[in-house]
Amino acid sequence: MTDSGFRLKGSVVTTILLEIQIFSLDDIVFHLKEKIDQVPHFFNQAPIIIDISKMKRGITIDEFELLIQSVSALGLGVIGWRCDPEALPVWKASVTIPLLPASKARSINTSPVDKENASPDVVVKTVVEERLVPQATKVITKPIRSGQQVYAEGDLIILNQVSAGAEVLADGNIHVYGALRGRALAGVKGDVDARIFCRSMEAELVSIAGNFMLSDALRNIVWKDSAQVLLVDDSLEIVPL
């Protein structure tokens, strides 16, 4: 454990994982900014997951929201958070970003930062998610409304639309037989072969195994048309159907 009470792990092709053990907003922001200044292209608009599952004390909703605001202000995209499933905070339903399932991960030493200049308080590593055996497919027949979140341990099939402000997550593939206007995150436990299919691409964000693309980029590729999202050579591709 580091003196500052948190570790930062990630790679150029996967999601950055911010593990917090002791909450000190000033320390977290200081070390994040230090790392961003060292390799700005690596961290520019990078997706980040906040993990509070190893915190020694609880965290209030005000502290958590301030943390999200501070991380976002540094140019990082907070796409989810993790917590000990046996110690979920009472305010969990008030958070707008998705609560992701617990993850078993191992790290390999492929830091893009010069080790001689690396801070002892923050470690950047590649996170390799363990793949799990796919679970049964979940089928949803009703529209997913704004503010709702749906998670499937296997594939997720939605026979209706996903509204703006809604989030759908799956360990496997995501099929939307309607307009996809919210956020869709497939392969959330590291399955790089997962895909997203939709009848009308109008998403706020799509993500495969932590690699994501926002609506601004989607509009220049496929918009309001049927499409699939897949990962090719560690980059997202949007292909018309």
Protein backbone atom coordinates (compact mmCIF):
# COMPACT_ATOMS: atom_id res chain seq x y z
CA MET A 1 0.00 0.00 0.00
CA THR A 2 1.25 3.48 -0.81
CA ASP A 3 1.50 6.37 1.65
CA SER A 4 -1.24 8.28 -0.17
CA GLY A 5 -3.60 5.33 0.15
CA PHE A 6 -4.39 4.68 -3.51
CA ARG A 7 -2.91 3.17 -6.67
CA LEU A 8 -3.49 4.07 -10.29
CA LYS A 9 -3.41 1.24 -12.81
CA GLY A 10 -4.05 1.14 -16.55
CA SER A 11 -2.65 0.79 -20.07
CA VAL A 12 -2.86 2.55 -23.41
CA VAL A 13 -5.57 0.15 -24.63
CA THR A 14 -7.60 -0.58 -21.51
CA THR A 15 -9.53 1.29 -18.89
CA ILE A 16 -7.62 3.08 -16.14
CA LEU A 17 -8.49 1.77 -12.69
CA LEU A 18 -8.22 4.22 -9.79
CA GLU A 19 -7.98 2.16 -6.60
CA ILE A 20 -8.58 4.21 -3.45
CA GLN A 21 -7.74 2.93 0.03
CA ILE A 22 -7.53 6.22 1.95
CA PHE A 23 -9.65 9.14 0.75
CA SER A 24 -7.64 12.32 0.41
CA LEU A 25 -8.93 14.37 -2.50
CA ASP A 26 -5.94 16.70 -2.59
CA ASP A 27 -3.50 13.77 -2.78
CA ILE A 28 -5.53 11.97 -5.44
CA VAL A 29 -5.81 15.05 -7.65
CA PHE A 30 -2.13 15.93 -7.14
CA HIS A 31 -0.86 12.50 -8.21
CA LEU A 32 -3.33 12.17 -11.07
CA LYS A 33 -2.24 15.54 -12.45
CA GLU A 34 1.40 14.55 -11.99
CA LYS A 35 0.86 11.44 -14.10
CA ILE A 36 -1.14 13.30 -16.74
CA ASP A 37 1.65 15.89 -17.08
CA GLN A 38 4.18 13.08 -17.67
CA VAL A 39 2.23 11.38 -20.49
CA PRO A 40 -0.63 13.69 -21.58
CA HIS A 41 -1.49 11.68 -24.72
CA PHE A 42 -1.89 8.51 -22.67
CA PHE A 43 -4.40 10.10 -20.30
CA ASN A 44 -6.22 12.44 -22.70
CA GLN A 45 -9.94 11.57 -22.47
CA ALA A 46 -9.01 8.12 -21.09
CA PRO A 47 -11.84 6.10 -19.54
CA ILE A 48 -11.41 5.59 -15.80
CA ILE A 49 -13.14 3.41 -13.22
CA ILE A 50 -13.13 4.48 -9.55
CA ASP A 51 -12.67 1.52 -7.19
CA ILE A 52 -13.52 2.13 -3.52
CA SER A 53 -13.78 -1.56 -2.58
CA LYS A 54 -10.56 -1.44 -0.54
CA MET A 55 -11.25 1.74 1.40
CA LYS A 56 -10.65 1.44 5.13
CA ARG A 57 -13.49 3.81 5.95
CA GLY A 58 -16.69 4.77 4.25
CA ILE A 59 -17.06 7.61 1.79
CA THR A 60 -19.95 10.06 1.76
CA ILE A 61 -22.00 10.89 -1.31
CA ASP A 62 -20.67 14.46 -1.22
CA GLU A 63 -17.06 13.20 -1.16
CA PHE A 64 -17.74 10.76 -3.99
CA GLU A 65 -19.44 13.32 -6.21
CA LEU A 66 -16.63 15.81 -5.57
CA LEU A 67 -14.13 13.09 -6.52
CA ILE A 68 -15.98 12.44 -9.81
CA GLN A 69 -16.04 16.16 -10.59
CA SER A 70 -12.33 16.53 -9.81
CA VAL A 71 -11.33 13.51 -11.93
CA SER A 72 -13.51 14.69 -14.84
CA ALA A 73 -11.98 18.17 -14.61
CA LEU A 74 -8.59 16.60 -15.34
CA GLY A 75 -9.85 15.38 -18.72
CA LEU A 76 -10.58 11.78 -17.72
CA GLY A 77 -13.88 10.10 -18.52
CA VAL A 78 -15.42 8.37 -15.49
CA ILE A 79 -17.36 5.42 -16.94
CA GLY A 80 -18.13 3.53 -13.73
CA TRP A 81 -17.27 2.66 -10.15
CA ARG A 82 -16.73 -0.47 -8.09
CA CYS A 83 -17.40 -1.25 -4.47
CA ASP A 84 -17.32 -4.21 -2.11
CA PRO A 85 -20.69 -5.91 -2.83
CA GLU A 86 -21.04 -6.68 0.87
CA ALA A 87 -20.50 -3.06 1.90
CA LEU A 88 -22.49 -1.03 -0.62
CA PRO A 89 -23.05 2.57 0.53
CA VAL A 90 -26.61 3.61 1.29
CA TRP A 91 -26.34 6.34 -1.36
CA LYS A 92 -25.49 3.97 -4.23
CA ALA A 93 -28.78 4.63 -6.05
CA SER A 94 -28.07 8.37 -6.11
CA VAL A 95 -24.95 8.03 -8.28
CA THR A 96 -25.50 8.59 -12.00
CA ILE A 97 -22.46 6.65 -13.24
CA PRO A 98 -22.90 2.85 -13.39
CA LEU A 99 -21.93 0.55 -10.53
CA LEU A 100 -19.81 -2.11 -12.22
CA PRO A 101 -19.55 -5.70 -11.01
CA ALA A 102 -16.58 -6.73 -8.91
CA SER A 103 -13.57 -7.67 -10.99
CA LYS A 104 -10.80 -10.16 -10.50
CA ALA A 105 -7.70 -8.79 -12.21
CA ARG A 106 -3.98 -9.30 -12.40
CA SER A 107 -1.38 -6.71 -13.33
CA ILE A 108 1.64 -6.89 -15.60
CA ASN A 109 4.50 -4.39 -15.52
CA THR A 110 4.12 -2.48 -18.77
CA SER A 111 4.08 1.06 -17.45
CA PRO A 112 4.34 3.79 -20.12
CA VAL A 113 6.01 6.06 -17.56
CA ASP A 114 9.77 6.24 -16.97
CA LYS A 115 10.33 4.23 -13.80
CA GLU A 116 13.08 6.54 -12.58
CA ASN A 117 10.68 9.47 -12.58
CA ALA A 118 7.62 7.58 -11.37
CA SER A 119 6.11 8.67 -8.08
CA PRO A 120 6.23 6.02 -5.34
CA ASP A 121 2.67 7.04 -4.44
CA VAL A 122 1.13 6.16 -7.82
CA VAL A 123 1.78 3.03 -9.88
CA VAL A 124 0.63 2.73 -13.51
CA LYS A 125 0.18 -0.87 -14.65
CA THR A 126 -1.71 -2.78 -17.30
CA VAL A 127 -4.88 -4.34 -15.93
CA VAL A 128 -5.72 -7.74 -17.43
CA GLU A 129 -9.24 -8.87 -16.60
CA GLU A 130 -9.96 -12.56 -16.10
CA ARG A 131 -12.62 -13.89 -18.44
CA LEU A 132 -15.54 -15.72 -16.88
CA VAL A 133 -17.76 -18.39 -18.40
CA PRO A 134 -20.68 -16.57 -20.03
CA GLN A 135 -23.94 -16.73 -18.11
CA ALA A 136 -27.46 -17.03 -19.45
CA THR A 137 -28.65 -14.38 -21.89
CA LYS A 138 -30.88 -11.66 -20.40
CA VAL A 139 -33.80 -10.46 -22.55
CA ILE A 140 -35.51 -7.12 -21.85
CA THR A 141 -38.78 -6.37 -23.66
CA LYS A 142 -39.56 -2.93 -22.23
CA PRO A 143 -37.80 0.36 -23.07
CA ILE A 144 -34.81 1.26 -20.88
CA ARG A 145 -35.72 4.69 -19.57
CA SER A 146 -33.42 7.57 -18.63
CA GLY A 147 -31.70 6.94 -15.31
CA GLN A 148 -32.17 3.17 -15.48
CA GLN A 149 -29.26 0.73 -15.51
CA VAL A 150 -29.40 -2.87 -16.72
CA TYR A 151 -26.56 -5.38 -16.30
CA ALA A 152 -26.26 -8.91 -17.70
CA GLU A 153 -23.68 -11.50 -16.71
CA GLY A 154 -23.89 -12.96 -20.23
CA ASP A 155 -25.37 -11.41 -23.38
CA LEU A 156 -27.99 -8.67 -23.11
CA ILE A 157 -30.84 -8.46 -25.63
CA ILE A 158 -33.13 -5.42 -25.56
CA LEU A 159 -36.21 -5.64 -27.77
CA ASN A 160 -36.91 -1.93 -27.44
CA GLN A 161 -35.06 1.37 -27.23
CA VAL A 162 -32.42 2.57 -24.75
CA SER A 163 -33.23 6.17 -23.84
CA ALA A 164 -30.71 8.97 -23.37
CA GLY A 165 -29.36 8.89 -19.84
CA ALA A 166 -29.85 5.12 -19.51
CA GLU A 167 -26.99 2.61 -19.23
CA VAL A 168 -26.80 -1.01 -20.34
CA LEU A 169 -23.87 -3.23 -19.41
CA ALA A 170 -23.02 -6.84 -20.20
CA ASP A 171 -20.15 -9.26 -19.72
CA GLY A 172 -20.91 -10.46 -23.25
CA ASN A 173 -22.61 -8.91 -26.28
CA ILE A 174 -25.34 -6.26 -26.30
CA HIS A 175 -28.17 -6.34 -28.86
CA VAL A 176 -30.56 -3.38 -29.08
CA TYR A 177 -33.49 -3.88 -31.46
CA GLY A 178 -34.37 -0.20 -31.32
CA ALA A 179 -32.64 3.14 -30.92
CA LEU A 180 -29.54 3.14 -28.72
CA ARG A 181 -29.46 6.64 -27.24
CA GLY A 182 -27.86 6.01 -23.85
CA ARG A 183 -24.62 4.29 -22.87
CA ALA A 184 -23.76 0.71 -23.84
CA LEU A 185 -20.77 -1.10 -22.29
CA ALA A 186 -20.12 -4.65 -23.51
CA GLY A 187 -17.37 -7.00 -22.34
CA VAL A 188 -17.17 -5.16 -19.02
CA LYS A 189 -15.06 -7.93 -17.50
CA GLY A 190 -12.48 -7.83 -20.27
CA ASP A 191 -14.01 -9.86 -23.11
CA VAL A 192 -12.37 -8.27 -26.16
CA ASP A 193 -14.55 -10.39 -28.48
CA ALA A 194 -17.78 -8.82 -27.22
CA ARG A 195 -19.80 -6.67 -29.61
CA ILE A 196 -22.64 -4.16 -29.57
CA PHE A 197 -25.43 -4.31 -32.15
CA CYS A 198 -28.21 -1.76 -32.55
CA ARG A 199 -30.90 -0.81 -35.04
CA SER A 200 -30.28 2.93 -34.70
CA MET A 201 -26.92 4.23 -33.45
CA GLU A 202 -27.55 7.39 -31.40
CA ALA A 203 -25.45 6.46 -28.36
CA GLU A 204 -23.90 8.80 -25.82
CA LEU A 205 -21.09 6.27 -25.34
CA VAL A 206 -20.21 2.77 -26.52
CA SER A 207 -17.50 0.65 -24.93
CA ILE A 208 -15.93 -2.76 -25.53
CA ALA A 209 -13.70 -4.14 -22.75
CA GLY A 210 -12.97 -0.62 -21.50
CA ASN A 211 -12.22 0.91 -24.91
CA PHE A 212 -14.83 3.60 -25.54
CA MET A 213 -16.10 6.11 -28.08
CA LEU A 214 -18.35 9.13 -27.45
CA SER A 215 -21.25 10.47 -29.49
CA ASP A 216 -19.17 13.21 -31.15
CA ALA A 217 -17.02 10.57 -32.84
CA LEU A 218 -19.97 8.28 -33.58
CA ARG A 219 -21.78 11.05 -35.46
CA ASN A 220 -18.93 11.13 -37.99
CA ILE A 221 -19.11 7.38 -38.65
CA VAL A 222 -22.63 5.96 -38.31
CA TRP A 223 -25.56 7.92 -36.93
CA LYS A 224 -29.23 6.99 -36.74
CA ASP A 225 -28.55 3.83 -38.73
CA SER A 226 -28.05 0.17 -37.83
CA ALA A 227 -24.51 -0.64 -36.76
CA GLN A 228 -22.26 -2.92 -34.80
CA VAL A 229 -19.35 -2.01 -32.52
CA LEU A 230 -16.35 -4.31 -32.26
CA LEU A 231 -12.73 -4.25 -31.14
CA VAL A 232 -10.07 -4.67 -33.83
CA ASP A 233 -6.37 -4.46 -32.92
CA ASP A 234 -7.17 -2.67 -29.67
CA SER A 235 -9.27 0.00 -31.42
CA LEU A 236 -13.02 0.36 -31.65
CA GLU A 237 -14.60 0.01 -35.08
CA ILE A 238 -18.15 1.06 -35.93
CA VAL A 239 -19.49 -0.92 -38.87
CA PRO A 240 -22.84 -0.30 -40.60
CA LEU A 241 -25.16 -3.32 -40.79
